[in-house]
């Protein structure tokens, strides 16, 4: 009989890059990832799918100790180091894909190809490929953490002026439509979920993405997801940092529980 830590809420965990050799604040080793997940399994956490999570937000019951695994940026390391493990363990995941990276191009770390997304989509019903926008995962100065985000800012135009309200509106809606269109063939369910680039969003940007067909949005606000959450501002808990041990991850989730 596993312990009930919480009911009727979900720990949405956020990961990025899962790689044995690369290092960084958003990179963990495949070994640590497996240890984290195995530890949660042993403690009695239940891994749910995005499909279940949407139904939960709309009123359906979910298992106690529910966890949803999400991976931002679409790194190839997810295909190579996460997918074989979750397939074996029968654990659902969500990939948030920057669709501008799907054409073969050089990205570091390398990102997944449309073919790899298609393979995961066809082989199991465990993987959802959703949006991290098409071409909005940029800042006006990528070297400056305080650069303006493409998603939320009016950008300079080719003639040196700044976008008008109408131009900004059109760019965001078109990006949403383009992203959905490109992911449609590699996802069994509706493409209507976005994770905001850098976790940066405004109510205006969200509204424009909704106009482009999106119904759910994930943030990087560290909290449990409940039915009270705005479906376009769903919080997540970061799990994908190299210093988060399996025991730490359990403790972090415990600290976020809504009583």
Protein backbone atom coordinates (compact mmCIF):
# COMPACT_ATOMS: atom_id res chain seq x y z
CA UNK A 1 0.00 0.00 0.00
CA UNK A 2 1.74 3.16 -1.17
CA UNK A 3 1.58 6.34 0.86
CA UNK A 4 -0.85 9.04 -0.26
CA UNK A 5 1.13 12.30 -0.29
CA UNK A 6 -1.52 14.32 -2.12
CA UNK A 7 -4.75 13.97 -4.04
CA UNK A 8 -6.40 15.95 -6.82
CA UNK A 9 -3.29 17.89 -7.83
CA UNK A 10 -0.37 17.22 -10.15
CA UNK A 11 3.37 17.73 -9.91
CA UNK A 12 4.26 18.74 -13.48
CA UNK A 13 8.02 18.18 -13.70
CA UNK A 14 10.19 20.14 -16.13
CA UNK A 15 13.31 18.76 -17.79
CA UNK A 16 15.48 19.90 -20.70
CA UNK A 17 18.67 18.02 -21.66
CA UNK A 18 19.47 14.49 -20.45
CA UNK A 19 23.05 13.68 -21.42
CA UNK A 20 25.98 11.78 -19.91
CA UNK A 21 28.79 14.14 -20.96
CA UNK A 22 27.30 17.62 -21.45
CA UNK A 23 27.17 19.84 -18.38
CA UNK A 24 25.03 22.81 -17.42
CA UNK A 25 22.29 24.03 -15.13
CA UNK A 26 19.54 22.40 -17.21
CA UNK A 27 21.37 19.16 -18.00
CA UNK A 28 21.18 15.94 -16.01
CA UNK A 29 22.74 12.56 -16.70
CA UNK A 30 20.57 9.66 -17.92
CA UNK A 31 21.61 7.86 -14.73
CA UNK A 32 20.28 10.64 -12.48
CA UNK A 33 17.07 10.87 -14.49
CA UNK A 34 16.45 7.12 -14.11
CA UNK A 35 17.26 7.27 -10.40
CA UNK A 36 14.84 10.18 -9.89
CA UNK A 37 12.02 8.38 -11.68
CA UNK A 38 12.68 5.02 -10.00
CA UNK A 39 12.71 6.72 -6.61
CA UNK A 40 9.35 8.37 -7.27
CA UNK A 41 7.94 5.05 -8.52
CA UNK A 42 9.13 3.26 -5.39
CA UNK A 43 7.52 5.90 -3.18
CA UNK A 44 4.17 5.45 -4.91
CA UNK A 45 3.96 8.35 -7.36
CA UNK A 46 1.77 7.78 -10.43
CA UNK A 47 2.83 9.05 -13.85
CA UNK A 48 -0.04 10.39 -15.94
CA UNK A 49 -0.29 11.44 -19.59
CA UNK A 50 -1.01 14.90 -20.95
CA UNK A 51 -4.33 13.50 -22.14
CA UNK A 52 -5.21 12.49 -18.55
CA UNK A 53 -4.00 15.86 -17.29
CA UNK A 54 -6.31 17.77 -19.66
CA UNK A 55 -9.25 15.62 -18.53
CA UNK A 56 -8.26 16.32 -14.92
CA UNK A 57 -8.35 20.09 -15.53
CA UNK A 58 -11.83 19.58 -16.96
CA UNK A 59 -13.08 17.71 -13.89
CA UNK A 60 -12.04 14.05 -14.24
CA UNK A 61 -10.39 12.18 -11.36
CA UNK A 62 -6.69 11.28 -11.40
CA UNK A 63 -4.56 8.93 -9.31
CA UNK A 64 -3.13 10.24 -6.04
CA UNK A 65 0.51 11.39 -6.15
CA UNK A 66 0.07 12.27 -9.84
CA UNK A 67 3.13 13.38 -11.84
CA UNK A 68 3.39 14.63 -15.43
CA UNK A 69 6.82 14.65 -17.11
CA UNK A 70 7.63 17.47 -19.56
CA UNK A 71 10.76 18.15 -21.64
CA UNK A 72 11.46 21.58 -23.13
CA UNK A 73 13.44 22.47 -26.27
CA UNK A 74 13.26 19.10 -28.05
CA UNK A 75 16.84 18.00 -27.51
CA UNK A 76 17.89 14.81 -29.28
CA UNK A 77 19.06 13.53 -25.90
CA UNK A 78 15.39 12.93 -25.04
CA UNK A 79 15.03 10.56 -27.98
CA UNK A 80 18.32 8.82 -27.23
CA UNK A 81 18.40 8.74 -23.43
CA UNK A 82 14.84 9.21 -22.16
CA UNK A 83 12.59 7.54 -24.69
CA UNK A 84 14.01 3.96 -24.39
CA UNK A 85 13.64 4.15 -20.59
CA UNK A 86 10.10 5.56 -20.49
CA UNK A 87 9.03 3.08 -23.18
CA UNK A 88 10.35 0.22 -21.04
CA UNK A 89 8.71 1.63 -17.90
CA UNK A 90 5.52 2.63 -19.74
CA UNK A 91 5.70 6.24 -18.49
CA UNK A 92 4.10 9.03 -20.56
CA UNK A 93 6.02 12.24 -21.40
CA UNK A 94 5.44 15.53 -23.20
CA UNK A 95 8.00 17.09 -25.56
CA UNK A 96 7.77 20.83 -26.13
CA UNK A 97 9.27 21.37 -29.57
CA UNK A 98 10.59 24.56 -31.20
CA UNK A 99 9.34 23.65 -34.66
CA UNK A 100 11.82 25.91 -36.45
CA UNK A 101 14.46 23.35 -35.39
CA UNK A 102 12.77 20.46 -37.23
CA UNK A 103 14.35 21.03 -40.65
CA UNK A 104 17.84 19.51 -40.56
CA UNK A 105 20.06 22.23 -39.19
CA UNK A 106 22.93 22.61 -36.78
CA UNK A 107 21.84 23.14 -33.20
CA UNK A 108 23.89 22.63 -30.09
CA UNK A 109 22.91 20.54 -28.30
CA UNK A 110 21.35 18.73 -31.30
CA UNK A 111 17.55 18.74 -31.47
CA UNK A 112 15.18 15.98 -32.50
CA UNK A 113 14.24 15.56 -36.14
CA UNK A 114 10.70 15.26 -37.45
CA UNK A 115 11.53 11.62 -38.19
CA UNK A 116 12.46 10.92 -34.56
CA UNK A 117 9.26 12.61 -33.34
CA UNK A 118 7.32 10.51 -35.83
CA UNK A 119 8.92 7.27 -34.62
CA UNK A 120 7.98 7.98 -30.99
CA UNK A 121 4.49 9.00 -32.05
CA UNK A 122 3.95 5.79 -34.03
CA UNK A 123 5.62 3.26 -31.72
CA UNK A 124 3.67 4.04 -28.54
CA UNK A 125 0.95 6.26 -27.15
CA UNK A 126 3.35 7.48 -24.46
CA UNK A 127 4.83 10.57 -26.14
CA UNK A 128 3.06 13.83 -26.92
CA UNK A 129 4.85 16.33 -29.16
CA UNK A 130 3.50 19.77 -28.33
CA UNK A 131 4.66 23.34 -28.94
CA UNK A 132 7.51 25.43 -27.58
CA UNK A 133 6.52 27.93 -30.32
CA UNK A 134 7.82 27.84 -33.87
CA UNK A 135 10.36 30.67 -33.97
CA UNK A 136 9.85 32.60 -30.72
CA UNK A 137 12.50 30.94 -28.55
CA UNK A 138 14.84 33.91 -28.96
CA UNK A 139 15.69 37.21 -27.32
CA UNK A 140 16.67 40.41 -29.12
CA UNK A 141 20.13 39.92 -27.65
CA UNK A 142 20.64 36.22 -27.04
CA UNK A 143 23.79 36.92 -25.02
CA UNK A 144 21.85 39.14 -22.62
CA UNK A 145 19.51 37.40 -20.17
CA UNK A 146 17.58 40.67 -20.05
CA UNK A 147 17.10 40.84 -23.84
CA UNK A 148 13.51 41.29 -25.00
CA UNK A 149 11.71 38.00 -25.67
CA UNK A 150 10.36 37.47 -29.19
CA UNK A 151 7.11 36.10 -27.75
CA UNK A 152 6.24 39.12 -25.65
CA UNK A 153 7.97 42.06 -27.36
CA UNK A 154 7.46 44.14 -30.46
CA UNK A 155 10.56 43.67 -32.59
CA UNK A 156 12.48 45.97 -34.93
CA UNK A 157 11.32 45.64 -38.55
CA UNK A 158 13.52 45.52 -41.64
CA UNK A 159 13.13 49.28 -42.19
CA UNK A 160 14.33 50.12 -38.69
CA UNK A 161 10.96 50.91 -37.10
CA UNK A 162 9.38 48.89 -34.30
CA UNK A 163 6.46 46.58 -35.07
CA UNK A 164 3.00 48.10 -34.79
CA UNK A 165 0.40 46.47 -32.54
CA UNK A 166 -1.09 44.88 -35.67
CA UNK A 167 2.25 43.52 -36.90
CA UNK A 168 3.08 42.06 -33.48
CA UNK A 169 -0.39 40.50 -33.25
CA UNK A 170 -0.07 38.93 -36.71
CA UNK A 171 3.44 37.56 -35.99
CA UNK A 172 2.37 35.79 -32.79
CA UNK A 173 -0.84 34.32 -34.23
CA UNK A 174 0.99 33.13 -37.35
CA UNK A 175 3.71 31.53 -35.24
CA UNK A 176 1.05 29.62 -33.29
CA UNK A 177 -0.62 28.37 -36.47
CA UNK A 178 2.72 27.39 -38.03
CA UNK A 179 3.76 25.47 -34.92
CA UNK A 180 0.46 23.56 -34.77
CA UNK A 181 0.61 22.74 -38.46
CA UNK A 182 4.14 21.33 -38.24
CA UNK A 183 3.39 19.18 -35.18
CA UNK A 184 0.04 17.88 -36.42
CA UNK A 185 1.57 14.93 -38.28
CA UNK A 186 3.71 13.82 -35.31
CA UNK A 187 1.09 13.91 -32.55
CA UNK A 188 -1.91 11.60 -32.12
CA UNK A 189 -3.89 14.13 -30.10
CA UNK A 190 -4.70 17.79 -30.74
CA UNK A 191 -1.74 20.17 -30.84
CA UNK A 192 -3.11 22.79 -28.45
CA UNK A 193 -0.50 23.01 -25.68
CA UNK A 194 2.44 25.43 -25.51
CA UNK A 195 5.31 25.90 -23.05
CA UNK A 196 6.38 29.55 -23.05
CA UNK A 197 9.98 30.20 -24.17
CA UNK A 198 12.15 31.12 -21.15
CA UNK A 199 8.92 30.99 -19.12
CA UNK A 200 8.23 34.57 -20.23
CA UNK A 201 4.66 35.54 -21.11
CA UNK A 202 2.14 38.37 -21.02
CA UNK A 203 -1.65 38.20 -21.08
CA UNK A 204 -1.56 39.75 -24.56
CA UNK A 205 0.90 37.17 -25.92
CA UNK A 206 -1.19 34.38 -24.40
CA UNK A 207 -4.37 35.76 -25.97
CA UNK A 208 -2.71 35.83 -29.41
CA UNK A 209 -1.51 32.23 -29.02
CA UNK A 210 -5.05 31.24 -28.08
CA UNK A 211 -6.24 32.88 -31.29
CA UNK A 212 -3.78 30.61 -33.09
CA UNK A 213 -5.49 27.54 -31.63
CA UNK A 214 -3.89 26.90 -28.23
CA UNK A 215 -5.91 25.98 -25.14
CA UNK A 216 -3.23 25.19 -22.54
CA UNK A 217 0.02 26.91 -21.59
CA UNK A 218 2.84 25.82 -19.27
CA UNK A 219 4.96 28.26 -17.27
CA UNK A 220 8.05 27.84 -15.09
CA UNK A 221 6.24 29.11 -11.97
CA UNK A 222 7.22 26.60 -9.28
CA UNK A 223 3.98 25.19 -7.86
CA UNK A 224 1.65 22.22 -8.04
CA UNK A 225 -0.95 22.22 -10.80
CA UNK A 226 -4.54 22.24 -9.57
CA UNK A 227 -7.93 22.73 -11.21
CA UNK A 228 -7.84 26.30 -9.93
CA UNK A 229 -4.94 27.09 -12.28
CA UNK A 230 -5.55 29.23 -15.35
CA UNK A 231 -5.25 26.60 -18.14
CA UNK A 232 -2.94 29.02 -20.02
CA UNK A 233 -0.69 29.52 -16.94
CA UNK A 234 -0.06 26.02 -15.60
CA UNK A 235 2.83 25.86 -13.11
CA UNK A 236 5.66 23.33 -13.18
CA UNK A 237 8.40 22.12 -10.86
CA UNK A 238 11.98 22.05 -12.17
CA UNK A 239 13.49 18.57 -11.84
CA UNK A 240 16.17 18.76 -14.51
CA UNK A 241 19.13 20.28 -12.71
CA UNK A 242 22.25 18.23 -11.93
CA UNK A 243 22.15 18.93 -8.19
CA UNK A 244 18.58 17.62 -7.68
CA UNK A 245 19.03 14.16 -6.15
CA UNK A 246 16.13 11.67 -6.15
CA UNK A 247 15.57 12.45 -2.46
CA UNK A 248 15.69 16.19 -3.17
CA UNK A 249 13.09 15.84 -5.89
CA UNK A 250 10.70 14.05 -3.54
CA UNK A 251 11.29 16.77 -0.92
CA UNK A 252 10.74 19.56 -3.47
CA UNK A 253 7.41 18.03 -4.56
CA UNK A 254 6.39 17.60 -0.92
CA UNK A 255 7.14 21.28 -0.25
CA UNK A 256 4.78 22.35 -3.06
CA UNK A 257 1.73 20.31 -2.01
CA UNK A 258 -1.44 22.39 -1.74
CA UNK A 259 -3.20 21.36 1.44
